[in-house]
Protein backbone atom coordinates (compact mmCIF):
# COMPACT_ATOMS: atom_id res chain seq x y z
CA MET A 1 -0.01 0.00 -0.01
CA SER A 2 1.42 3.40 -1.00
CA LYS A 3 2.26 5.95 1.64
CA PRO A 4 -0.47 8.61 2.16
CA THR A 5 0.23 11.93 0.52
CA THR A 6 1.64 14.70 2.67
CA TYR A 7 0.03 17.84 1.27
CA ARG A 8 1.66 21.21 0.64
CA PHE A 9 -0.48 24.33 0.57
CA SER A 10 -0.21 27.66 -1.25
CA PHE A 11 -2.06 30.95 -1.64
CA GLY A 12 -1.47 34.32 -3.26
CA PRO A 13 -0.73 37.51 -1.37
CA TRP A 14 -4.01 38.95 -2.74
CA ASN A 15 -5.84 36.44 -0.53
CA ILE A 16 -4.82 38.50 2.49
CA SER A 17 -7.04 41.30 1.25
CA GLU A 18 -7.85 44.78 2.40
CA GLY A 19 -11.60 44.19 2.35
CA ALA A 20 -12.65 46.19 -0.70
CA ASP A 21 -15.43 45.28 -3.08
CA PRO A 22 -16.90 47.02 -6.17
CA PHE A 23 -19.58 48.65 -4.06
CA GLY A 24 -17.63 50.30 -1.28
CA PRO A 25 -14.27 51.45 0.07
CA GLU A 26 -11.62 49.38 1.83
CA VAL A 27 -12.59 48.41 5.40
CA ARG A 28 -9.16 47.27 6.57
CA PRO A 29 -5.74 48.91 6.17
CA ALA A 30 -3.43 47.69 3.44
CA PHE A 31 -0.77 45.17 4.38
CA PRO A 32 2.50 45.16 2.38
CA HIS A 33 3.38 42.01 0.44
CA GLU A 34 6.80 41.86 2.07
CA GLU A 35 5.17 41.49 5.48
CA LYS A 36 2.75 38.84 4.24
CA TYR A 37 5.51 36.37 3.38
CA ALA A 38 6.40 35.98 7.07
CA LEU A 39 2.84 34.75 7.75
CA TYR A 40 2.86 31.73 5.42
CA LYS A 41 4.91 29.15 7.33
CA PRO A 42 3.30 29.73 10.75
CA MET A 43 -0.10 29.13 9.12
CA GLY A 44 1.04 25.87 7.47
CA PHE A 45 1.64 27.13 3.93
CA ASP A 46 4.78 26.52 1.87
CA GLY A 47 3.92 27.95 -1.56
CA VAL A 48 3.26 31.44 -2.90
CA GLN A 49 1.12 32.13 -5.94
CA PHE A 50 2.08 35.25 -7.86
CA HIS A 51 0.99 37.61 -10.58
CA ASP A 52 3.83 39.20 -12.50
CA ASP A 53 3.25 42.58 -10.84
CA ASP A 54 3.10 40.99 -7.39
CA VAL A 55 6.76 40.14 -7.97
CA VAL A 56 7.64 43.27 -9.93
CA PRO A 57 5.31 46.24 -9.24
CA GLY A 58 5.06 48.59 -12.18
CA VAL A 59 6.46 45.92 -14.51
CA ASP A 60 5.41 47.76 -17.70
CA ASP A 61 7.59 50.76 -16.87
CA LEU A 62 10.81 48.89 -16.01
CA THR A 63 13.80 47.71 -18.04
CA PRO A 64 14.69 44.02 -18.26
CA ASP A 65 17.58 44.61 -15.86
CA GLN A 66 15.35 46.35 -13.31
CA ILE A 67 12.82 43.52 -13.61
CA ALA A 68 15.48 40.88 -13.04
CA LYS A 69 16.84 42.70 -9.98
CA GLN A 70 13.40 43.02 -8.38
CA ALA A 71 12.59 39.36 -9.07
CA ALA A 72 15.90 38.35 -7.51
CA LYS A 73 15.04 40.42 -4.46
CA VAL A 74 11.71 38.60 -4.05
CA LYS A 75 13.44 35.24 -4.54
CA THR A 76 15.72 36.10 -1.64
CA MET A 77 12.74 37.10 0.52
CA LEU A 78 11.06 33.76 -0.20
CA GLY A 79 14.25 31.86 0.52
CA ASN A 80 14.63 33.62 3.87
CA GLN A 81 11.13 32.40 4.78
CA GLY A 82 11.58 28.88 3.38
CA LEU A 83 8.86 29.45 0.76
CA VAL A 84 8.44 28.16 -2.81
CA PRO A 85 7.02 30.24 -5.70
CA GLU A 86 4.34 27.96 -7.12
CA PHE A 87 3.65 29.96 -10.29
CA VAL A 88 3.56 33.41 -11.83
CA ALA A 89 0.61 34.66 -13.92
CA PRO A 90 0.50 37.66 -16.27
CA ARG A 91 -2.04 40.15 -14.88
CA LEU A 92 -3.36 41.38 -18.22
CA TRP A 93 -6.85 42.43 -17.19
CA PHE A 94 -5.91 45.79 -15.62
CA ALA A 95 -3.94 47.14 -18.58
CA PRO A 96 -5.63 49.76 -20.81
CA GLN A 97 -4.30 47.86 -23.81
CA THR A 98 -6.47 44.83 -22.94
CA ILE A 99 -9.90 46.45 -22.58
CA ASP A 100 -11.11 44.28 -25.46
CA GLY A 101 -8.96 41.29 -24.58
CA GLY A 102 -5.30 40.43 -24.77
CA TYR A 103 -4.48 37.48 -26.98
CA THR A 104 -7.90 37.74 -28.66
CA SER A 105 -8.12 41.51 -28.93
CA ASN A 106 -9.36 43.01 -32.17
CA SER A 107 -6.40 45.39 -31.91
CA ALA A 108 -3.05 44.13 -33.25
CA LYS A 109 -1.28 46.47 -30.80
CA GLY A 110 -3.30 45.03 -27.92
CA ARG A 111 -2.40 41.48 -28.92
CA GLN A 112 1.29 42.38 -29.17
CA TYR A 113 1.21 43.98 -25.73
CA ALA A 114 -0.38 40.83 -24.25
CA LYS A 115 2.21 38.59 -25.89
CA ASP A 116 5.14 40.75 -24.82
CA ARG A 117 3.98 40.94 -21.23
CA THR A 118 3.32 37.18 -21.12
CA LEU A 119 6.83 36.37 -22.36
CA ARG A 120 8.16 38.81 -19.75
CA THR A 121 6.15 36.91 -17.12
CA ILE A 122 7.97 33.72 -18.09
CA ASP A 123 11.29 35.49 -17.52
CA ILE A 124 10.04 36.72 -14.11
CA ALA A 125 8.93 33.21 -13.18
CA ARG A 126 12.36 31.81 -13.97
CA GLU A 127 14.12 34.64 -12.13
CA VAL A 128 12.05 34.09 -8.99
CA GLY A 129 12.55 30.32 -9.13
CA SER A 130 9.33 28.96 -10.66
CA LYS A 131 8.82 26.84 -13.77
CA ALA A 132 5.07 27.39 -14.09
CA VAL A 133 3.02 30.19 -15.61
CA VAL A 134 -0.75 30.34 -15.13
CA LEU A 135 -3.04 31.71 -17.84
CA TRP A 136 -6.30 32.98 -16.44
CA LEU A 137 -7.86 34.25 -19.67
CA ALA A 138 -9.80 36.97 -17.91
CA ARG A 139 -10.70 39.22 -20.85
CA GLU A 140 -10.40 36.59 -23.57
CA GLY A 141 -14.08 36.54 -24.43
CA THR A 142 -16.91 38.76 -25.54
CA TYR A 143 -19.82 40.79 -24.27
CA ILE A 144 -21.60 40.09 -27.55
CA ARG A 145 -20.62 37.11 -29.69
CA GLU A 146 -20.66 39.09 -32.93
CA SER A 147 -17.76 41.28 -31.76
CA LYS A 148 -15.15 38.55 -32.32
CA ASN A 149 -14.67 35.57 -34.56
CA ALA A 150 -14.46 32.72 -32.03
CA ARG A 151 -12.54 30.42 -34.36
CA VAL A 152 -9.90 33.09 -34.94
CA ALA A 153 -9.82 33.82 -31.18
CA TYR A 154 -9.02 30.19 -30.39
CA GLU A 155 -6.32 30.16 -33.07
CA ARG A 156 -4.77 33.23 -31.47
CA ILE A 157 -4.82 31.67 -27.99
CA GLN A 158 -3.22 28.54 -29.45
CA GLN A 159 -0.49 30.58 -31.11
CA THR A 160 0.22 32.41 -27.82
CA ILE A 161 0.67 29.06 -26.06
CA ASN A 162 3.09 27.92 -28.76
CA ASP A 163 5.01 31.22 -28.52
CA MET A 164 5.36 30.67 -24.78
CA LEU A 165 6.62 27.13 -25.24
CA ASP A 166 9.15 28.38 -27.79
CA HIS A 167 10.31 31.20 -25.52
CA ASP A 168 11.40 28.83 -22.73
CA LYS A 169 12.01 25.12 -23.21
CA GLU A 170 11.30 24.16 -19.58
CA ILE A 171 8.35 26.34 -18.55
CA GLU A 172 4.96 24.70 -17.92
CA ILE A 173 1.73 26.50 -18.85
CA TRP A 174 -1.30 25.93 -16.60
CA ILE A 175 -4.55 27.15 -18.13
CA GLU A 176 -7.18 28.22 -15.57
CA PRO A 177 -10.64 28.07 -17.16
CA LYS A 178 -13.59 30.23 -16.15
CA PRO A 179 -16.92 30.59 -18.02
CA ASN A 180 -17.65 34.26 -17.38
CA GLU A 181 -16.69 37.39 -15.37
CA PRO A 182 -15.29 39.85 -16.20
CA THR A 183 -16.39 39.06 -19.77
CA ASP A 184 -19.95 37.87 -20.27
CA MET A 185 -18.99 34.85 -22.38
CA ALA A 186 -15.43 33.62 -21.99
CA PHE A 187 -13.33 31.56 -24.33
CA VAL A 188 -11.87 28.39 -22.74
CA PRO A 189 -14.69 28.05 -20.16
CA THR A 190 -13.92 24.49 -18.97
CA ILE A 191 -11.01 22.16 -18.38
CA GLY A 192 -12.02 20.21 -21.49
CA HIS A 193 -11.34 23.30 -23.60
CA ALA A 194 -8.00 23.82 -21.84
CA ILE A 195 -6.84 20.24 -22.34
CA THR A 196 -7.79 20.38 -26.00
CA LEU A 197 -5.49 23.41 -26.36
CA ALA A 198 -2.80 21.44 -24.53
CA TYR A 199 -2.96 18.49 -26.93
CA ALA A 200 -2.96 20.81 -29.94
CA SER A 201 0.11 22.69 -28.67
CA ARG A 202 3.70 22.31 -29.79
CA ASP A 203 4.64 20.46 -26.58
CA PRO A 204 1.54 18.89 -24.96
CA LYS A 205 3.48 17.56 -21.96
CA ARG A 206 4.15 21.13 -20.80
CA VAL A 207 0.57 22.41 -21.04
CA LYS A 208 -1.81 21.55 -18.20
CA GLY A 209 -4.77 22.93 -16.34
CA LEU A 210 -5.48 24.65 -13.05
CA ILE A 211 -9.01 24.02 -11.76
CA GLU A 212 -10.75 26.41 -9.42
CA THR A 213 -13.75 25.12 -7.51
CA ALA A 214 -15.86 28.24 -8.00
CA HIS A 215 -15.09 28.51 -11.71
CA ALA A 216 -16.30 24.95 -12.34
CA LEU A 217 -19.46 25.61 -10.34
CA LEU A 218 -20.13 28.80 -12.30
CA ALA A 219 -20.04 26.67 -15.46
CA GLY A 220 -22.68 24.40 -13.92
CA LEU A 221 -20.16 21.56 -13.54
CA ASP A 222 -18.96 19.42 -10.65
CA PRO A 223 -15.40 20.50 -9.77
CA ALA A 224 -14.54 16.93 -8.70
CA ASP A 225 -15.44 15.68 -12.18
CA GLU A 226 -13.39 18.46 -13.79
CA MET A 227 -10.42 17.45 -11.63
CA ALA A 228 -10.92 13.80 -12.49
CA PHE A 229 -10.92 14.59 -16.20
CA ALA A 230 -7.63 16.48 -15.92
CA LEU A 231 -6.11 13.75 -13.75
CA ALA A 232 -7.12 11.10 -16.26
CA HIS A 233 -4.94 12.92 -18.79
CA ASP A 234 -2.15 13.64 -16.27
CA LYS A 235 -2.82 17.33 -16.79
CA LEU A 236 -3.77 18.75 -13.41
CA GLY A 237 -1.04 21.27 -12.70
CA SER A 238 -2.72 22.72 -9.63
CA VAL A 239 -6.01 23.52 -7.95
CA HIS A 240 -7.61 26.58 -6.43
CA LEU A 241 -9.95 25.34 -3.73
CA ASN A 242 -12.76 27.56 -2.51
CA ASP A 243 -16.55 27.48 -2.65
CA GLN A 244 -19.48 29.13 -4.34
CA ASN A 245 -23.01 29.80 -3.14
CA GLY A 246 -24.93 29.34 -6.37
CA LEU A 247 -24.54 30.82 -9.86
CA LYS A 248 -23.55 34.31 -8.81
CA TYR A 249 -20.37 36.34 -9.16
CA ASP A 250 -17.11 34.55 -8.30
CA GLN A 251 -17.35 34.51 -4.51
CA ASP A 252 -14.13 32.73 -3.42
CA LYS A 253 -15.81 31.51 -0.23
CA ASN A 254 -13.99 29.31 2.26
CA PHE A 255 -13.45 25.77 0.99
CA GLY A 256 -16.40 23.56 1.92
CA ALA A 257 -18.39 26.43 3.41
CA ALA A 258 -21.29 26.27 0.93
CA ASN A 259 -21.39 22.56 0.09
CA LEU A 260 -19.38 20.17 2.22
CA ARG A 261 -20.28 17.13 0.13
CA VAL A 262 -18.97 18.77 -3.06
CA ALA A 263 -15.79 19.60 -1.15
CA PHE A 264 -15.54 16.01 0.11
CA ASN A 265 -15.69 14.67 -3.43
CA GLN A 266 -12.93 17.02 -4.58
CA VAL A 267 -10.68 15.79 -1.80
CA ARG A 268 -11.67 12.19 -2.61
CA VAL A 269 -10.71 12.55 -6.27
CA LEU A 270 -7.36 14.12 -5.41
CA GLU A 271 -6.63 11.49 -2.76
CA GLU A 272 -7.52 8.53 -4.96
CA ALA A 273 -5.33 9.85 -7.81
CA GLY A 274 -2.33 10.48 -5.56
CA TYR A 275 -2.37 14.18 -6.38
CA GLY A 276 0.36 15.94 -4.43
CA SER A 277 2.72 12.98 -4.39
CA LYS A 278 4.85 14.68 -7.06
CA GLY A 279 4.99 17.92 -5.12
CA GLU A 280 1.83 19.51 -6.51
CA PHE A 281 0.29 22.14 -4.23
CA ILE A 282 -3.15 22.42 -2.77
CA GLY A 283 -3.77 26.01 -3.71
CA LEU A 284 -6.40 28.10 -1.95
CA ASP A 285 -8.05 31.11 -3.53
CA VAL A 286 -10.31 32.38 -0.78
CA LYS A 287 -11.27 35.91 0.25
CA ALA A 288 -11.97 37.18 3.73
CA MET A 289 -15.47 38.43 4.43
CA ARG A 290 -15.62 42.20 4.10
CA THR A 291 -17.19 42.37 7.58
CA GLN A 292 -14.20 40.73 9.28
CA LYS A 293 -12.34 43.02 11.67
CA GLY A 294 -8.57 43.24 12.03
CA LYS A 295 -5.52 44.76 10.39
CA CYS A 296 -4.41 41.50 8.81
CA VAL A 297 -7.15 38.92 8.37
CA THR A 298 -6.01 35.31 7.77
CA SER A 299 -8.59 33.05 9.43
CA HIS A 300 -10.28 32.29 6.08
CA LEU A 301 -6.99 30.71 4.91
CA THR A 302 -6.29 28.66 8.03
CA GLY A 303 -9.96 27.68 8.22
CA SER A 304 -10.02 26.44 4.64
CA ARG A 305 -6.82 24.48 5.17
CA GLU A 306 -8.30 22.94 8.32
CA ILE A 307 -11.48 21.92 6.51
CA PHE A 308 -9.39 20.31 3.74
CA MET A 309 -7.41 18.26 6.25
CA HIS A 310 -10.61 17.18 8.08
CA LEU A 311 -11.98 16.00 4.74
CA VAL A 312 -8.74 14.12 4.04
CA ASP A 313 -9.40 12.25 7.29
CA LYS A 314 -12.97 11.60 6.18
CA VAL A 315 -11.80 10.21 2.84
CA ARG A 316 -9.16 8.00 4.46
CA SER A 317 -11.55 6.67 7.09
CA TRP A 318 -14.38 5.99 4.66
CA ASP A 319 -15.36 2.31 4.50
CA LYS A 320 -14.48 1.27 0.94
CA LYS A 321 -15.75 -2.27 1.55
CA LEU A 322 -19.15 -0.89 2.49
CA GLU A 323 -19.06 1.30 -0.61
CA LYS A 324 -18.32 -1.71 -2.82
CA GLN A 325 -21.13 -3.65 -1.18
CA PHE A 326 -23.66 -0.94 -2.00
CA VAL A 327 -22.28 -0.40 -5.50
CA ASP A 328 -22.39 -4.12 -6.29
CA ALA A 329 -25.99 -4.23 -5.09
CA ARG A 330 -26.75 -1.02 -7.03
CA ASP A 331 -28.17 0.33 -3.79
CA TYR A 332 -27.23 3.95 -4.28
CA GLU A 333 -29.82 5.19 -1.78
CA ALA A 334 -27.97 3.28 0.97
CA LEU A 335 -24.66 4.53 -0.39
CA GLU A 336 -25.79 8.13 -0.27
CA LEU A 337 -27.10 7.80 3.29
CA ALA A 338 -23.86 6.16 4.41
CA ILE A 339 -21.81 9.00 2.92
CA MET A 340 -23.98 11.64 4.58
CA LYS A 341 -23.79 9.90 7.94
CA HIS A 342 -20.00 9.62 7.55
CA LEU A 343 -19.70 13.33 6.86
CA MET A 344 -21.95 14.14 9.84
CA GLY A 345 -20.07 11.78 12.15
CA VAL A 346 -23.19 9.71 12.76
CA LYS A 347 -22.85 5.94 13.34
């Protein structure tokens, strides 16, 4: 019997937020990134998720030498704290050049800006010590379908992936699908779309997916099934665990807070596939409630990690023989009741 996986956890510095939302001002004081790194290890986290401008603020206005020096500085900070940079992602959705998309923009100048910044992100990732770049295709979509040719848009995304693979022969690309928000109708809405792009790329082994719980739920899909699909193709680069209370905006609620059984099944899929045994991280992308008091709010992160580990115990203590008995008898009513009683701690 294989040894149980020892999980490593990560989150991005944006997850220790200042409590702003689109409908009101910040309710907590800002907390510098440099001070956040010291909080990771005591909370049980080893990995840091980054955007390019988390590593290098003002990246568009700096020379390659200035970018390299700042990235080296952050690498030293992480080393001093015993932390690992899990990935770096180009933050394209705030740039004025990407109002109508980056890789799929109708503007040639906009597309060139997106490509240049993405290749620069790869350089930043390597400088800071990471070999993974995440593509969240935030503005690669439309508000009305007639505004873009979807076939051409997918060809442009595919070409961007190939350009990235050509730029660095070791970098991995993890595509993070989401069906909507900020665009109304996004390209690459599911992991199936992402994996198709991976297989069509110049080096399929280096193109994978990153599945976020809430994004799968917003697509009307089961995140555990999305993870299972990626795992069946050996293409689950990472996960962003959180939760979602219905088909609303992307809420980034604490993992398991809205639907514990959906969370249980995500953990079950990861456990059964041995996810994490190769060093993959359990990434969290959760936001603190705006109502939470304090200068530096972190309980949503430690709480989500705690729920994950409780569910690991539930998965490992689940009676597989009983499950097989019910499955063989096709008695799924009894199976469902047994699962619910297990989750509730009822004998």
